[in-house]
């Protein structure tokens, strides 16, 4: 027999790491009685783009970008004057791409401060 509570709980557990707008859109599309497999992904992708556009408008500093990416689970670090970026979602490239030089300088400055602080 179909148990709606258990199905919803399993669905929520699988999608817990996704950005909220994408998560909500995918949940609604999946649980909709007229849902088609292709439509679910389209709705989720549109929601992800809308979510990134909203984030892009609200982020005002490189520190905020770094904090947002860390909150989303992405890894951003500097090695030998090279910006290394391991995203958790492809939509994060839209945020990092136009600001990569500023992010590199910000992270390099933080690393330098930490090195100088550890020598004292």
PDB file of N, CA and C in Angstrom:
ATOM      1  N   UNK A   1       0.842  -1.184   0.000  1.00  0.00           N
ATOM      2  CA  UNK A   1       0.000   0.000   0.000  1.00  0.00           C
ATOM      3  C   UNK A   1       0.888   1.249   0.000  1.00  0.00           C
ATOM      4  N   UNK A   2       0.456   2.279  -0.678  1.00  0.00           N
ATOM      5  CA  UNK A   2       1.215   3.525  -0.811  1.00  0.00           C
ATOM      6  C   UNK A   2       1.052   4.367   0.448  1.00  0.00           C
ATOM      7  N   UNK A   3       2.158   4.761   1.041  1.00  0.00           N
ATOM      8  CA  UNK A   3       2.137   5.594   2.234  1.00  0.00           C
ATOM      9  C   UNK A   3       2.679   6.975   1.853  1.00  0.00           C
ATOM     10  N   UNK A   4       1.803   7.963   1.804  1.00  0.00           N
ATOM     11  CA  UNK A   4       2.186   9.305   1.367  1.00  0.00           C
ATOM     12  C   UNK A   4       3.210   9.934   2.303  1.00  0.00           C
ATOM     13  N   UNK A   5       3.045   9.754   3.605  1.00  0.00           N
ATOM     14  CA  UNK A   5       3.993  10.335   4.560  1.00  0.00           C
ATOM     15  C   UNK A   5       5.402   9.783   4.352  1.00  0.00           C
ATOM     16  N   UNK A   6       5.497   8.481   4.165  1.00  0.00           N
ATOM     17  CA  UNK A   6       6.808   7.869   3.960  1.00  0.00           C
ATOM     18  C   UNK A   6       7.420   8.311   2.631  1.00  0.00           C
ATOM     19  N   UNK A   7       6.612   8.387   1.597  1.00  0.00           N
ATOM     20  CA  UNK A   7       7.109   8.839   0.288  1.00  0.00           C
ATOM     21  C   UNK A   7       7.605  10.279   0.363  1.00  0.00           C
ATOM     22  N   UNK A   8       6.874  11.132   1.052  1.00  0.00           N
ATOM     23  CA  UNK A   8       7.284  12.529   1.202  1.00  0.00           C
ATOM     24  C   UNK A   8       8.566  12.627   2.021  1.00  0.00           C
ATOM     25  N   UNK A   9       8.665  11.869   3.093  1.00  0.00           N
ATOM     26  CA  UNK A   9       9.861  11.873   3.933  1.00  0.00           C
ATOM     27  C   UNK A   9      11.093  11.422   3.130  1.00  0.00           C
ATOM     28  N   UNK A  10      10.950  10.379   2.329  1.00  0.00           N
ATOM     29  CA  UNK A  10      12.056   9.903   1.489  1.00  0.00           C
ATOM     30  C   UNK A  10      12.442  10.942   0.445  1.00  0.00           C
ATOM     31  N   UNK A  11      11.439  11.555  -0.149  1.00  0.00           N
ATOM     32  CA  UNK A  11      11.695  12.583  -1.161  1.00  0.00           C
ATOM     33  C   UNK A  11      12.425  13.776  -0.550  1.00  0.00           C
ATOM     34  N   UNK A  12      12.011  14.196   0.617  1.00  0.00           N
ATOM     35  CA  UNK A  12      12.651  15.329   1.288  1.00  0.00           C
ATOM     36  C   UNK A  12      14.085  14.999   1.682  1.00  0.00           C
ATOM     37  N   UNK A  13      14.331  13.783   2.113  1.00  0.00           N
ATOM     38  CA  UNK A  13      15.683  13.381   2.503  1.00  0.00           C
ATOM     39  C   UNK A  13      16.629  13.381   1.300  1.00  0.00           C
ATOM     40  N   UNK A  14      16.137  12.988   0.144  1.00  0.00           N
ATOM     41  CA  UNK A  14      16.971  12.957  -1.060  1.00  0.00           C
ATOM     42  C   UNK A  14      17.313  14.356  -1.549  1.00  0.00           C
ATOM     43  N   UNK A  15      16.446  15.304  -1.372  1.00  0.00           N
ATOM     44  CA  UNK A  15      16.619  16.641  -1.940  1.00  0.00           C
ATOM     45  C   UNK A  15      17.065  17.681  -0.919  1.00  0.00           C
ATOM     46  N   UNK A  16      17.479  17.266   0.244  1.00  0.00           N
ATOM     47  CA  UNK A  16      17.797  18.192   1.322  1.00  0.00           C
ATOM     48  C   UNK A  16      18.968  19.117   1.002  1.00  0.00           C
ATOM     49  N   UNK A  17      19.922  18.697   0.192  1.00  0.00           N
ATOM     50  CA  UNK A  17      21.120  19.492  -0.085  1.00  0.00           C
ATOM     51  C   UNK A  17      20.917  20.528  -1.197  1.00  0.00           C
ATOM     52  N   UNK A  18      19.804  20.486  -1.907  1.00  0.00           N
ATOM     53  CA  UNK A  18      19.583  21.402  -3.025  1.00  0.00           C
ATOM     54  C   UNK A  18      19.228  22.806  -2.534  1.00  0.00           C
ATOM     55  N   UNK A  19      19.486  23.824  -3.364  1.00  0.00           N
ATOM     56  CA  UNK A  19      19.038  25.176  -3.013  1.00  0.00           C
ATOM     57  C   UNK A  19      17.526  25.186  -2.818  1.00  0.00           C
ATOM     58  N   UNK A  20      17.042  26.055  -1.943  1.00  0.00           N
ATOM     59  CA  UNK A  20      15.637  26.023  -1.538  1.00  0.00           C
ATOM     60  C   UNK A  20      14.654  26.188  -2.691  1.00  0.00           C
ATOM     61  N   UNK A  21      14.889  27.151  -3.587  1.00  0.00           N
ATOM     62  CA  UNK A  21      13.940  27.368  -4.680  1.00  0.00           C
ATOM     63  C   UNK A  21      13.866  26.145  -5.590  1.00  0.00           C
ATOM     64  N   UNK A  22      15.009  25.567  -5.873  1.00  0.00           N
ATOM     65  CA  UNK A  22      15.037  24.378  -6.722  1.00  0.00           C
ATOM     66  C   UNK A  22      14.379  23.208  -6.006  1.00  0.00           C
ATOM     67  N   UNK A  23      14.641  23.086  -4.717  1.00  0.00           N
ATOM     68  CA  UNK A  23      14.064  22.020  -3.905  1.00  0.00           C
ATOM     69  C   UNK A  23      12.538  22.101  -3.906  1.00  0.00           C
ATOM     70  N   UNK A  24      12.005  23.294  -3.689  1.00  0.00           N
ATOM     71  CA  UNK A  24      10.550  23.477  -3.646  1.00  0.00           C
ATOM     72  C   UNK A  24       9.943  23.178  -5.009  1.00  0.00           C
ATOM     73  N   UNK A  25      10.551  23.711  -6.066  1.00  0.00           N
ATOM     74  CA  UNK A  25      10.014  23.486  -7.412  1.00  0.00           C
ATOM     75  C   UNK A  25      10.019  22.006  -7.774  1.00  0.00           C
ATOM     76  N   UNK A  26      11.108  21.323  -7.479  1.00  0.00           N
ATOM     77  CA  UNK A  26      11.193  19.897  -7.794  1.00  0.00           C
ATOM     78  C   UNK A  26      10.198  19.096  -6.964  1.00  0.00           C
ATOM     79  N   UNK A  27      10.022  19.471  -5.705  1.00  0.00           N
ATOM     80  CA  UNK A  27       9.070  18.766  -4.841  1.00  0.00           C
ATOM     81  C   UNK A  27       7.649  18.922  -5.360  1.00  0.00           C
ATOM     82  N   UNK A  28       7.286  20.149  -5.704  1.00  0.00           N
ATOM     83  CA  UNK A  28       5.929  20.405  -6.203  1.00  0.00           C
ATOM     84  C   UNK A  28       5.707  19.679  -7.520  1.00  0.00           C
ATOM     85  N   UNK A  29       6.678  19.764  -8.418  1.00  0.00           N
ATOM     86  CA  UNK A  29       6.529  19.110  -9.719  1.00  0.00           C
ATOM     87  C   UNK A  29       6.469  17.594  -9.579  1.00  0.00           C
ATOM     88  N   UNK A  30       7.248  17.035  -8.678  1.00  0.00           N
ATOM     89  CA  UNK A  30       7.274  15.585  -8.495  1.00  0.00           C
ATOM     90  C   UNK A  30       5.994  15.079  -7.849  1.00  0.00           C
ATOM     91  N   UNK A  31       5.493  15.803  -6.879  1.00  0.00           N
ATOM     92  CA  UNK A  31       4.312  15.353  -6.144  1.00  0.00           C
ATOM     93  C   UNK A  31       3.004  15.717  -6.843  1.00  0.00           C
ATOM     94  N   UNK A  32       3.079  16.484  -7.914  1.00  0.00           N
ATOM     95  CA  UNK A  32       1.887  16.864  -8.662  1.00  0.00           C
ATOM     96  C   UNK A  32       1.295  15.634  -9.344  1.00  0.00           C
ATOM     97  N   UNK A  33      -0.039  15.498  -9.324  1.00  0.00           N
ATOM     98  CA  UNK A  33      -0.654  14.318  -9.931  1.00  0.00           C
ATOM     99  C   UNK A  33      -0.438  14.233 -11.447  1.00  0.00           C
ATOM    100  N   UNK A  34      -0.218  15.362 -12.120  1.00  0.00           N
ATOM    101  CA  UNK A  34      -0.026  15.360 -13.574  1.00  0.00           C
ATOM    102  C   UNK A  34       1.452  15.489 -13.951  1.00  0.00           C
ATOM    103  N   UNK A  35       2.308  15.150 -13.049  1.00  0.00           N
ATOM    104  CA  UNK A  35       3.747  15.312 -13.253  1.00  0.00           C
ATOM    105  C   UNK A  35       4.279  14.363 -14.317  1.00  0.00           C
ATOM    106  N   UNK A  36       5.146  14.908 -15.175  1.00  0.00           N
ATOM    107  CA  UNK A  36       5.859  14.097 -16.167  1.00  0.00           C
ATOM    108  C   UNK A  36       7.341  14.214 -15.845  1.00  0.00           C
ATOM    109  N   UNK A  37       8.125  13.162 -16.043  1.00  0.00           N
ATOM    110  CA  UNK A  37       9.548  13.194 -15.663  1.00  0.00           C
ATOM    111  C   UNK A  37      10.326  14.368 -16.254  1.00  0.00           C
ATOM    112  N   UNK A  38      10.137  14.681 -17.521  1.00  0.00           N
ATOM    113  CA  UNK A  38      10.864  15.785 -18.143  1.00  0.00           C
ATOM    114  C   UNK A  38      10.481  17.135 -17.572  1.00  0.00           C
ATOM    115  N   UNK A  39       9.231  17.293 -17.234  1.00  0.00           N
ATOM    116  CA  UNK A  39       8.742  18.566 -16.713  1.00  0.00           C
ATOM    117  C   UNK A  39       9.347  18.873 -15.338  1.00  0.00           C
ATOM    118  N   UNK A  40       9.553  17.845 -14.535  1.00  0.00           N
ATOM    119  CA  UNK A  40      10.134  18.040 -13.204  1.00  0.00           C
ATOM    120  C   UNK A  40      11.499  18.702 -13.300  1.00  0.00           C
ATOM    121  N   UNK A  41      12.343  18.225 -14.195  1.00  0.00           N
ATOM    122  CA  UNK A  41      13.682  18.790 -14.338  1.00  0.00           C
ATOM    123  C   UNK A  41      13.644  20.202 -14.898  1.00  0.00           C
ATOM    124  N   UNK A  42      12.733  20.478 -15.822  1.00  0.00           N
ATOM    125  CA  UNK A  42      12.616  21.829 -16.385  1.00  0.00           C
ATOM    126  C   UNK A  42      12.201  22.813 -15.302  1.00  0.00           C
ATOM    127  N   UNK A  43      11.214  22.440 -14.510  1.00  0.00           N
ATOM    128  CA  UNK A  43      10.753  23.319 -13.430  1.00  0.00           C
ATOM    129  C   UNK A  43      11.879  23.559 -12.431  1.00  0.00           C
ATOM    130  N   UNK A  44      12.607  22.517 -12.077  1.00  0.00           N
ATOM    131  CA  UNK A  44      13.710  22.661 -11.125  1.00  0.00           C
ATOM    132  C   UNK A  44      14.818  23.536 -11.699  1.00  0.00           C
ATOM    133  N   UNK A  45      15.123  23.386 -12.976  1.00  0.00           N
ATOM    134  CA  UNK A  45      16.177  24.195 -13.600  1.00  0.00           C
ATOM    135  C   UNK A  45      15.786  25.664 -13.662  1.00  0.00           C
ATOM    136  N   UNK A  46      14.539  25.946 -14.010  1.00  0.00           N
ATOM    137  CA  UNK A  46      14.066  27.337 -14.046  1.00  0.00           C
ATOM    138  C   UNK A  46      14.117  27.941 -12.652  1.00  0.00           C
ATOM    139  N   UNK A  47      13.726  27.182 -11.655  1.00  0.00           N
ATOM    140  CA  UNK A  47      13.776  27.680 -10.277  1.00  0.00           C
ATOM    141  C   UNK A  47      15.207  27.952  -9.849  1.00  0.00           C
ATOM    142  N   UNK A  48      16.142  27.114 -10.256  1.00  0.00           N
ATOM    143  CA  UNK A  48      17.551  27.321  -9.901  1.00  0.00           C
ATOM    144  C   UNK A  48      18.092  28.595 -10.533  1.00  0.00           C
ATOM    145  N   UNK A  49      17.746  28.845 -11.786  1.00  0.00           N
ATOM    146  CA  UNK A  49      18.188  30.074 -12.456  1.00  0.00           C
ATOM    147  C   UNK A  49      17.596  31.294 -11.765  1.00  0.00           C
ATOM    148  N   UNK A  50      16.326  31.222 -11.407  1.00  0.00           N
ATOM    149  CA  UNK A  50      15.687  32.334 -10.699  1.00  0.00           C
ATOM    150  C   UNK A  50      16.336  32.555  -9.345  1.00  0.00           C
ATOM    151  N   UNK A  51      16.694  31.476  -8.670  1.00  0.00           N
ATOM    152  CA  UNK A  51      17.347  31.583  -7.369  1.00  0.00           C
ATOM    153  C   UNK A  51      18.714  32.241  -7.500  1.00  0.00           C
ATOM    154  N   UNK A  52      19.486  31.862  -8.513  1.00  0.00           N
ATOM    155  CA  UNK A  52      20.803  32.462  -8.737  1.00  0.00           C
ATOM    156  C   UNK A  52      20.664  33.936  -9.080  1.00  0.00           C
ATOM    157  N   UNK A  53      19.680  34.281  -9.897  1.00  0.00           N
ATOM    158  CA  UNK A  53      19.468  35.687 -10.251  1.00  0.00           C
ATOM    159  C   UNK A  53      19.137  36.504  -9.014  1.00  0.00           C
ATOM    160  N   UNK A  54      18.355  35.947  -8.113  1.00  0.00           N
ATOM    161  CA  UNK A  54      18.020  36.642  -6.871  1.00  0.00           C
ATOM    162  C   UNK A  54      19.252  36.813  -6.006  1.00  0.00           C
ATOM    163  N   UNK A  55      20.053  35.765  -5.885  1.00  0.00           N
ATOM    164  CA  UNK A  55      21.271  35.833  -5.078  1.00  0.00           C
ATOM    165  C   UNK A  55      22.232  36.851  -5.672  1.00  0.00           C
ATOM    166  N   UNK A  56      22.362  36.867  -6.992  1.00  0.00           N
ATOM    167  CA  UNK A  56      23.290  37.783  -7.652  1.00  0.00           C
ATOM    168  C   UNK A  56      22.926  39.240  -7.339  1.00  0.00           C
ATOM    169  N   UNK A  57      21.645  39.544  -7.255  1.00  0.00           N
ATOM    170  CA  UNK A  57      21.214  40.911  -6.955  1.00  0.00           C
ATOM    171  C   UNK A  57      21.481  41.285  -5.502  1.00  0.00           C
ATOM    172  N   UNK A  58      21.428  40.322  -4.592  1.00  0.00           N
ATOM    173  CA  UNK A  58      21.548  40.632  -3.171  1.00  0.00           C
ATOM    174  C   UNK A  58      22.986  40.634  -2.670  1.00  0.00           C
ATOM    175  N   UNK A  59      23.908  40.004  -3.373  1.00  0.00           N
ATOM    176  CA  UNK A  59      25.297  39.944  -2.921  1.00  0.00           C
ATOM    177  C   UNK A  59      25.995  41.249  -3.284  1.00  0.00           C
ATOM    178  N   UNK A  60      26.571  41.894  -2.278  1.00  0.00           N
ATOM    179  CA  UNK A  60      27.176  43.205  -2.502  1.00  0.00           C
ATOM    180  C   UNK A  60      28.686  43.214  -2.320  1.00  0.00           C
ATOM    181  N   UNK A  61      29.263  42.204  -1.700  1.00  0.00           N
ATOM    182  CA  UNK A  61      30.705  42.191  -1.474  1.00  0.00           C
ATOM    183  C   UNK A  61      31.258  40.789  -1.716  1.00  0.00           C
ATOM    184  N   UNK A  62      32.555  40.728  -1.907  1.00  0.00           N
ATOM    185  CA  UNK A  62      33.195  39.433  -2.135  1.00  0.00           C
ATOM    186  C   UNK A  62      33.117  38.557  -0.888  1.00  0.00           C
ATOM    187  N   UNK A  63      33.159  39.182   0.282  1.00  0.00           N
ATOM    188  CA  UNK A  63      33.010  38.420   1.527  1.00  0.00           C
ATOM    189  C   UNK A  63      31.643  37.751   1.562  1.00  0.00           C
ATOM    190  N   UNK A  64      30.615  38.468   1.122  1.00  0.00           N
ATOM    191  CA  UNK A  64      29.267  37.898   1.085  1.00  0.00           C
ATOM    192  C   UNK A  64      29.190  36.746   0.084  1.00  0.00           C
ATOM    193  N   UNK A  65      29.867  36.879  -1.054  1.00  0.00           N
ATOM    194  CA  UNK A  65      29.897  35.800  -2.049  1.00  0.00           C
ATOM    195  C   UNK A  65      30.540  34.557  -1.441  1.00  0.00           C
ATOM    196  N   UNK A  66      31.676  34.752  -0.781  1.00  0.00           N
ATOM    197  CA  UNK A  66      32.396  33.629  -0.175  1.00  0.00           C
ATOM    198  C   UNK A  66      31.539  32.962   0.900  1.00  0.00           C
ATOM    199  N   UNK A  67      30.906  33.761   1.742  1.00  0.00           N
ATOM    200  CA  UNK A  67      30.057  33.204   2.793  1.00  0.00           C
ATOM    201  C   UNK A  67      28.880  32.446   2.196  1.00  0.00           C
ATOM    202  N   UNK A  68      28.272  32.995   1.143  1.00  0.00           N
ATOM    203  CA  UNK A  68      27.138  32.327   0.509  1.00  0.00           C
ATOM    204  C   UNK A  68      27.565  30.988  -0.079  1.00  0.00           C
ATOM    205  N   UNK A  69      28.713  30.975  -0.763  1.00  0.00           N
ATOM    206  CA  UNK A  69      29.194  29.728  -1.362  1.00  0.00           C
ATOM    207  C   UNK A  69      29.509  28.681  -0.297  1.00  0.00           C
ATOM    208  N   UNK A  70      30.119  29.107   0.809  1.00  0.00           N
ATOM    209  CA  UNK A  70      30.410  28.167   1.897  1.00  0.00           C
ATOM    210  C   UNK A  70      29.121  27.622   2.497  1.00  0.00           C
ATOM    211  N   UNK A  71      28.119  28.492   2.631  1.00  0.00           N
ATOM    212  CA  UNK A  71      26.829  28.059   3.172  1.00  0.00           C
ATOM    213  C   UNK A  71      26.175  27.032   2.248  1.00  0.00           C
ATOM    214  N   UNK A  72      26.367  27.200   0.941  1.00  0.00           N
ATOM    215  CA  UNK A  72      25.813  26.273  -0.041  1.00  0.00           C
ATOM    216  C   UNK A  72      26.617  24.978  -0.138  1.00  0.00           C
ATOM    217  N   UNK A  73      27.793  24.943   0.509  1.00  0.00           N
ATOM    218  CA  UNK A  73      28.607  23.733   0.512  1.00  0.00           C
ATOM    219  C   UNK A  73      29.718  23.706  -0.522  1.00  0.00           C
ATOM    220  N   UNK A  74      29.905  24.789  -1.257  1.00  0.00           N
ATOM    221  CA  UNK A  74      30.974  24.850  -2.264  1.00  0.00           C
ATOM    222  C   UNK A  74      32.314  25.093  -1.574  1.00  0.00           C
ATOM    223  N   UNK A  75      33.380  24.642  -2.210  1.00  0.00           N
ATOM    224  CA  UNK A  75      34.728  24.861  -1.690  1.00  0.00           C
ATOM    225  C   UNK A  75      35.425  25.875  -2.583  1.00  0.00           C
ATOM    226  N   UNK A  76      35.973  26.903  -1.966  1.00  0.00           N
ATOM    227  CA  UNK A  76      36.648  27.981  -2.675  1.00  0.00           C
ATOM    228  C   UNK A  76      37.934  28.264  -1.929  1.00  0.00           C
ATOM    229  N   UNK A  77      39.086  28.103  -2.609  1.00  0.00           N
ATOM    230  CA  UNK A  77      40.364  28.314  -1.936  1.00  0.00           C
ATOM    231  C   UNK A  77      41.425  28.718  -2.957  1.00  0.00           C
ATOM    232  N   UNK A  78      42.569  29.180  -2.447  1.00  0.00           N
ATOM    233  CA  UNK A  78      43.666  29.639  -3.294  1.00  0.00           C
ATOM    234  C   UNK A  78      44.868  28.722  -3.088  1.00  0.00           C
ATOM    235  N   UNK A  79      45.471  28.289  -4.203  1.00  0.00           N
ATOM    236  CA  UNK A  79      46.699  27.498  -4.172  1.00  0.00           C
ATOM    237  C   UNK A  79      47.640  28.086  -5.216  1.00  0.00           C
ATOM    238  N   UNK A  80      48.806  28.536  -4.775  1.00  0.00           N
ATOM    239  CA  UNK A  80      49.811  29.104  -5.684  1.00  0.00           C
ATOM    240  C   UNK A  80      49.225  30.164  -6.615  1.00  0.00           C
ATOM    241  N   UNK A  81      48.543  31.118  -6.037  1.00  0.00           N
ATOM    242  CA  UNK A  81      47.949  32.236  -6.773  1.00  0.00           C
ATOM    243  C   UNK A  81      46.943  31.776  -7.841  1.00  0.00           C
ATOM    244  N   UNK A  82      46.272  30.656  -7.572  1.00  0.00           N
ATOM    245  CA  UNK A  82      45.241  30.122  -8.458  1.00  0.00           C
ATOM    246  C   UNK A  82      43.966  29.933  -7.651  1.00  0.00           C
ATOM    247  N   UNK A  83      42.861  30.425  -8.175  1.00  0.00           N
ATOM    248  CA  UNK A  83      41.571  30.254  -7.516  1.00  0.00           C
ATOM    249  C   UNK A  83      41.040  28.861  -7.834  1.00  0.00           C
ATOM    250  N   UNK A  84      40.777  28.069  -6.801  1.00  0.00           N
ATOM    251  CA  UNK A  84      40.228  26.724  -6.960  1.00  0.00           C
ATOM    252  C   UNK A  84      38.787  26.745  -6.473  1.00  0.00           C
ATOM    253  N   UNK A  85      37.905  26.164  -7.258  1.00  0.00           N
ATOM    254  CA  UNK A  85      36.474  26.225  -6.960  1.00  0.00           C
ATOM    255  C   UNK A  85      35.858  24.863  -7.219  1.00  0.00           C
ATOM    256  N   UNK A  86      35.246  24.296  -6.189  1.00  0.00           N
ATOM    257  CA  UNK A  86      34.541  23.026  -6.309  1.00  0.00           C
ATOM    258  C   UNK A  86      33.074  23.283  -5.959  1.00  0.00           C
ATOM    259  N   UNK A  87      32.235  23.486  -6.972  1.00  0.00           N
ATOM    260  CA  UNK A  87      30.831  23.834  -6.717  1.00  0.00           C
ATOM    261  C   UNK A  87      30.002  22.625  -6.300  1.00  0.00           C
ATOM    262  N   UNK A  88      28.888  22.898  -5.648  1.00  0.00           N
ATOM    263  CA  UNK A  88      27.922  21.845  -5.346  1.00  0.00           C
ATOM    264  C   UNK A  88      26.765  21.901  -6.332  1.00  0.00           C
ATOM    265  N   UNK A  89      26.702  22.978  -7.112  1.00  0.00           N
ATOM    266  CA  UNK A  89      25.629  23.169  -8.082  1.00  0.00           C
ATOM    267  C   UNK A  89      26.196  23.971  -9.256  1.00  0.00           C
ATOM    268  N   UNK A  90      25.858  23.587 -10.468  1.00  0.00           N
ATOM    269  CA  UNK A  90      26.380  24.284 -11.645  1.00  0.00           C
ATOM    270  C   UNK A  90      25.960  25.744 -11.668  1.00  0.00           C
ATOM    271  N   UNK A  91      24.857  26.076 -11.053  1.00  0.00           N
ATOM    272  CA  UNK A  91      24.386  27.462 -11.040  1.00  0.00           C
ATOM    273  C   UNK A  91      25.347  28.381 -10.286  1.00  0.00           C
ATOM    274  N   UNK A  92      26.193  27.822  -9.427  1.00  0.00           N
ATOM    275  CA  UNK A  92      27.148  28.645  -8.675  1.00  0.00           C
ATOM    276  C   UNK A  92      28.212  29.256  -9.583  1.00  0.00           C
ATOM    277  N   UNK A  93      28.435  28.660 -10.741  1.00  0.00           N
ATOM    278  CA  UNK A  93      29.387  29.249 -11.690  1.00  0.00           C
ATOM    279  C   UNK A  93      28.932  30.629 -12.143  1.00  0.00           C
ATOM    280  N   UNK A  94      27.627  30.834 -12.226  1.00  0.00           N
ATOM    281  CA  UNK A  94      27.102  32.139 -12.644  1.00  0.00           C
ATOM    282  C   UNK A  94      27.473  33.230 -11.649  1.00  0.00           C
ATOM    283  N   UNK A  95      27.645  32.876 -10.392  1.00  0.00           N
ATOM    284  CA  UNK A  95      28.037  33.847  -9.367  1.00  0.00           C
ATOM    285  C   UNK A  95      29.546  34.060  -9.390  1.00  0.00           C
ATOM    286  N   UNK A  96      30.311  32.991  -9.491  1.00  0.00           N
ATOM    287  CA  UNK A  96      31.770  33.077  -9.391  1.00  0.00           C
ATOM    288  C   UNK A  96      32.399  33.654 -10.658  1.00  0.00           C
ATOM    289  N   UNK A  97      31.883  33.285 -11.807  1.00  0.00           N
ATOM    290  CA  UNK A  97      32.507  33.652 -13.075  1.00  0.00           C
ATOM    291  C   UNK A  97      32.813  35.143 -13.239  1.00  0.00           C
ATOM    292  N   UNK A  98      31.860  36.055 -13.014  1.00  0.00           N
ATOM    293  CA  UNK A  98      32.186  37.472 -13.229  1.00  0.00           C
ATOM    294  C   UNK A  98      33.082  38.073 -12.147  1.00  0.00           C
ATOM    295  N   UNK A  99      33.247  37.390 -11.032  1.00  0.00           N
ATOM    296  CA  UNK A  99      33.978  37.957  -9.894  1.00  0.00           C
ATOM    297  C   UNK A  99      35.240  37.178  -9.538  1.00  0.00           C
ATOM    298  N   UNK A 100      35.729  36.314 -10.416  1.00  0.00           N
ATOM    299  CA  UNK A 100      36.805  35.415 -10.016  1.00  0.00           C
ATOM    300  C   UNK A 100      38.074  36.149  -9.615  1.00  0.00           C
ATOM    301  N   UNK A 101      38.405  37.248 -10.287  1.00  0.00           N
ATOM    302  CA  UNK A 101      39.629  37.980  -9.921  1.00  0.00           C
ATOM    303  C   UNK A 101      39.506  38.584  -8.523  1.00  0.00           C
ATOM    304  N   UNK A 102      38.360  39.198  -8.257  1.00  0.00           N
ATOM    305  CA  UNK A 102      38.150  39.797  -6.937  1.00  0.00           C
ATOM    306  C   UNK A 102      38.146  38.723  -5.848  1.00  0.00           C
ATOM    307  N   UNK A 103      37.545  37.574  -6.137  1.00  0.00           N
ATOM    308  CA  UNK A 103      37.544  36.473  -5.170  1.00  0.00           C
ATOM    309  C   UNK A 103      38.960  35.966  -4.920  1.00  0.00           C
ATOM    310  N   UNK A 104      39.749  35.863  -5.974  1.00  0.00           N
ATOM    311  CA  UNK A 104      41.136  35.427  -5.831  1.00  0.00           C
ATOM    312  C   UNK A 104      41.905  36.377  -4.920  1.00  0.00           C
ATOM    313  N   UNK A 105      41.782  37.683  -5.156  1.00  0.00           N
ATOM    314  CA  UNK A 105      42.491  38.663  -4.331  1.00  0.00           C
ATOM    315  C   UNK A 105      41.996  38.642  -2.884  1.00  0.00           C
ATOM    316  N   UNK A 106      40.690  38.504  -2.694  1.00  0.00           N
ATOM    317  CA  UNK A 106      40.114  38.461  -1.342  1.00  0.00           C
ATOM    318  C   UNK A 106      40.633  37.243  -0.575  1.00  0.00           C
ATOM    319  N   UNK A 107      40.580  36.074  -1.193  1.00  0.00           N
ATOM    320  CA  UNK A 107      41.040  34.858  -0.518  1.00  0.00           C
ATOM    321  C   UNK A 107      42.549  34.870  -0.290  1.00  0.00           C
ATOM    322  N   UNK A 108      43.303  35.403  -1.251  1.00  0.00           N
ATOM    323  CA  UNK A 108      44.757  35.508  -1.076  1.00  0.00           C
ATOM    324  C   UNK A 108      45.091  36.442   0.080  1.00  0.00           C
ATOM    325  N   UNK A 109      44.336  37.536   0.214  1.00  0.00           N
ATOM    326  CA  UNK A 109      44.556  38.468   1.321  1.00  0.00           C
ATOM    327  C   UNK A 109      44.254  37.804   2.661  1.00  0.00           C
ATOM    328  N   UNK A 110      43.187  37.027   2.710  1.00  0.00           N
ATOM    329  CA  UNK A 110      42.834  36.321   3.948  1.00  0.00           C
ATOM    330  C   UNK A 110      43.920  35.307   4.301  1.00  0.00           C
ATOM    331  N   UNK A 111      44.403  34.562   3.300  1.00  0.00           N
ATOM    332  CA  UNK A 111      45.488  33.604   3.543  1.00  0.00           C
ATOM    333  C   UNK A 111      46.738  34.303   4.056  1.00  0.00           C
ATOM    334  N   UNK A 112      47.071  35.446   3.464  1.00  0.00           N
ATOM    335  CA  UNK A 112      48.249  36.205   3.881  1.00  0.00           C
ATOM    336  C   UNK A 112      48.100  36.692   5.320  1.00  0.00           C
ATOM    337  N   UNK A 113      46.900  37.174   5.671  1.00  0.00           N
ATOM    338  CA  UNK A 113      46.651  37.619   7.050  1.00  0.00           C
ATOM    339  C   UNK A 113      46.814  36.464   8.024  1.00  0.00           C
ATOM    340  N   UNK A 114      46.326  35.291   7.646  1.00  0.00           N
ATOM    341  CA  UNK A 114      46.450  34.130   8.523  1.00  0.00           C
ATOM    342  C   UNK A 114      47.911  33.716   8.679  1.00  0.00           C
ATOM    343  N   UNK A 115      48.681  33.786   7.607  1.00  0.00           N
ATOM    344  CA  UNK A 115      50.106  33.455   7.693  1.00  0.00           C
ATOM    345  C   UNK A 115      50.841  34.458   8.568  1.00  0.00           C
ATOM    346  N   UNK A 116      50.544  35.735   8.404  1.00  0.00           N
ATOM    347  CA  UNK A 116      51.182  36.772   9.217  1.00  0.00           C
ATOM    348  C   UNK A 116      50.784  36.649  10.681  1.00  0.00           C
ATOM    349  N   UNK A 117      49.538  36.297  10.933  1.00  0.00           N
ATOM    350  CA  UNK A 117      49.063  36.134  12.305  1.00  0.00           C
ATOM    351  C   UNK A 117      49.681  34.937  12.989  1.00  0.00           C
ATOM    352  N   UNK A 118      49.978  33.879  12.240  1.00  0.00           N
ATOM    353  CA  UNK A 118      50.557  32.674  12.847  1.00  0.00           C
ATOM    354  C   UNK A 118      52.037  32.849  13.161  1.00  0.00           C
ATOM    355  N   UNK A 119      52.697  33.824  12.540  1.00  0.00           N
ATOM    356  CA  UNK A 119      54.118  34.060  12.790  1.00  0.00           C
ATOM    357  C   UNK A 119      54.355  34.863  14.057  1.00  0.00           C
ATOM    358  N   UNK A 120      53.348  35.530  14.533  1.00  0.00           N
ATOM    359  CA  UNK A 120      53.525  36.384  15.717  1.00  0.00           C
ATOM    360  C   UNK A 120      53.708  35.591  16.962  1.00  0.00           C
TER     361      UNK A 120
END
